[in-house]
C-alpha atoms as a PDB file:
ATOM      1  CA  MET A   1     -19.816 -20.653  79.781  1.00  0.00           C
ATOM      2  CA  PHE A   2     -21.519 -17.519  78.477  1.00  0.00           C
ATOM      3  CA  VAL A   3     -22.270 -14.313  80.365  1.00  0.00           C
ATOM      4  CA  VAL A   4     -24.678 -11.598  79.240  1.00  0.00           C
ATOM      5  CA  ASP A   5     -24.701  -8.359  81.206  1.00  0.00           C
ATOM      6  CA  ALA A   6     -26.844  -5.422  80.097  1.00  0.00           C
ATOM      7  CA  LEU A   7     -28.021  -2.063  81.373  1.00  0.00           C
ATOM      8  CA  LEU A   8     -31.634  -2.089  80.168  1.00  0.00           C
ATOM      9  CA  ASN A   9     -34.377   0.521  79.893  1.00  0.00           C
ATOM     10  CA  LYS A  10     -38.171   0.247  79.742  1.00  0.00           C
ATOM     11  CA  TYR A  11     -39.663  -3.121  78.800  1.00  0.00           C
ATOM     12  CA  THR A  12     -36.845  -5.319  77.525  1.00  0.00           C
ATOM     13  CA  ARG A  13     -36.491  -9.004  76.838  1.00  0.00           C
ATOM     14  CA  LEU A  14     -33.191 -10.345  75.553  1.00  0.00           C
ATOM     15  CA  LEU A  15     -32.862 -13.915  74.357  1.00  0.00           C
ATOM     16  CA  LEU A  16     -29.690 -15.976  74.479  1.00  0.00           C
ATOM     17  CA  LYS A  17     -29.862 -18.375  71.545  1.00  0.00           C
ATOM     18  CA  LEU A  18     -27.966 -21.521  70.725  1.00  0.00           C
ATOM     19  CA  ASN A  19     -28.402 -21.859  66.985  1.00  0.00           C
ATOM     20  CA  LYS A  20     -32.146 -21.102  66.626  1.00  0.00           C
ATOM     21  CA  THR A  21     -33.203 -22.288  70.098  1.00  0.00           C
ATOM     22  CA  THR A  22     -33.692 -19.864  73.009  1.00  0.00           C
ATOM     23  CA  VAL A  23     -31.740 -21.191  76.003  1.00  0.00           C
ATOM     24  CA  ALA A  24     -32.052 -18.211  78.412  1.00  0.00           C
ATOM     25  CA  TYR A  25     -33.790 -14.846  78.891  1.00  0.00           C
ATOM     26  CA  LEU A  26     -32.972 -11.496  80.440  1.00  0.00           C
ATOM     27  CA  PHE A  27     -36.168  -9.619  81.207  1.00  0.00           C
ATOM     28  CA  ARG A  28     -36.983  -6.164  82.522  1.00  0.00           C
ATOM     29  CA  ASP A  29     -40.648  -5.250  83.058  1.00  0.00           C
ATOM     30  CA  ALA A  30     -41.649  -1.635  82.381  1.00  0.00           C
ATOM     31  CA  GLY A  31     -43.139  -1.306  85.881  1.00  0.00           C
ATOM     32  CA  TYR A  32     -40.164  -2.846  87.692  1.00  0.00           C
ATOM     33  CA  SER A  33     -38.567   0.356  88.959  1.00  0.00           C
ATOM     34  CA  LYS A  34     -38.838   4.127  88.878  1.00  0.00           C
ATOM     35  CA  ASP A  35     -35.212   4.193  87.750  1.00  0.00           C
ATOM     36  CA  PRO A  36     -35.091   4.291  83.923  1.00  0.00           C
ATOM     37  CA  PHE A  37     -32.246   1.753  83.824  1.00  0.00           C
ATOM     38  CA  VAL A  38     -31.830  -1.663  85.468  1.00  0.00           C
ATOM     39  CA  GLN A  39     -28.684  -3.805  85.361  1.00  0.00           C
ATOM     40  CA  SER A  40     -29.429  -7.416  84.423  1.00  0.00           C
ATOM     41  CA  SER A  41     -27.100 -10.400  84.114  1.00  0.00           C
ATOM     42  CA  LYS A  42     -27.297 -14.057  83.140  1.00  0.00           C
ATOM     43  CA  THR A  43     -24.674 -16.810  83.195  1.00  0.00           C
ATOM     44  CA  ILE A  44     -25.296 -20.102  81.430  1.00  0.00           C
ATOM     45  CA  LEU A  45     -23.295 -23.250  80.737  1.00  0.00           C
ATOM     46  CA  LEU A  46     -23.777 -24.811  77.313  1.00  0.00           C
ATOM     47  CA  LYS A  47     -22.348 -27.936  75.769  1.00  0.00           C
ATOM     48  CA  LEU A  48     -21.467 -26.969  72.219  1.00  0.00           C
ATOM     49  CA  LYS A  49     -20.612 -28.869  69.076  1.00  0.00           C
ATOM     50  CA  GLN A  50     -18.410 -27.629  66.270  1.00  0.00           C
ATOM     51  CA  GLY A  51     -20.409 -25.222  64.106  1.00  0.00           C
ATOM     52  CA  ASP A  52     -22.829 -24.104  66.860  1.00  0.00           C
ATOM     53  CA  HIS A  53     -23.652 -20.385  67.077  1.00  0.00           C
ATOM     54  CA  VAL A  54     -24.473 -18.512  70.288  1.00  0.00           C
ATOM     55  CA  LYS A  55     -25.920 -15.003  70.147  1.00  0.00           C
ATOM     56  CA  VAL A  56     -27.997 -12.461  72.066  1.00  0.00           C
ATOM     57  CA  VAL A  57     -31.057 -10.988  70.347  1.00  0.00           C
ATOM     58  CA  SER A  58     -33.933  -8.722  71.332  1.00  0.00           C
ATOM     59  CA  ASP A  59     -37.531  -9.594  70.606  1.00  0.00           C
ATOM     60  CA  ASN A  60     -38.559  -5.915  70.767  1.00  0.00           C
ATOM     61  CA  ASN A  61     -37.527  -3.201  68.270  1.00  0.00           C
ATOM     62  CA  ASN A  62     -37.679  -0.357  70.823  1.00  0.00           C
ATOM     63  CA  VAL A  63     -34.895  -1.623  73.090  1.00  0.00           C
ATOM     64  CA  TYR A  64     -32.029   0.560  74.204  1.00  0.00           C
ATOM     65  CA  ILE A  65     -29.033  -1.200  75.756  1.00  0.00           C
ATOM     66  CA  HIS A  66     -26.487   1.162  77.267  1.00  0.00           C
ATOM     67  CA  SER A  67     -23.123   0.109  75.926  1.00  0.00           C
ATOM     68  CA  ASP A  68     -20.327   2.329  77.265  1.00  0.00           C
ATOM     69  CA  LYS A  69     -18.755  -0.164  79.742  1.00  0.00           C
ATOM     70  CA  PHE A  70     -22.171  -1.155  81.155  1.00  0.00           C
ATOM     71  CA  SER A  71     -23.120  -4.080  78.924  1.00  0.00           C
ATOM     72  CA  GLY A  72     -21.333  -7.059  77.443  1.00  0.00           C
ATOM     73  CA  PHE A  73     -21.482 -10.589  76.121  1.00  0.00           C
ATOM     74  CA  THR A  74     -18.642 -13.024  76.576  1.00  0.00           C
ATOM     75  CA  GLY A  75     -17.945 -16.733  76.436  1.00  0.00           C
ATOM     76  CA  THR A  76     -15.140 -18.973  77.581  1.00  0.00           C
ATOM     77  CA  PHE A  77     -14.208 -22.612  77.141  1.00  0.00           C
ATOM     78  CA  LEU A  78     -14.242 -24.483  80.486  1.00  0.00           C
ATOM     79  CA  TYR A  79     -13.237 -28.048  79.614  1.00  0.00           C
END
């Protein structure tokens, strides 16, 4: 199980990738809110094999993710 939680600004799209395949998105549209930041979260269950890599990437170079206790990425083994 993987959890991505991010405090996002402006237009932001984060991709959760298993190896090179996108398996989930976090998206914040620029017109979503008058507040400059929006909290977004995604939880996903993945069946992994030895050697698999899971990571979060942005597809936009102008992304700011607030880090100080507001954003994180974690995974845990369930079974």
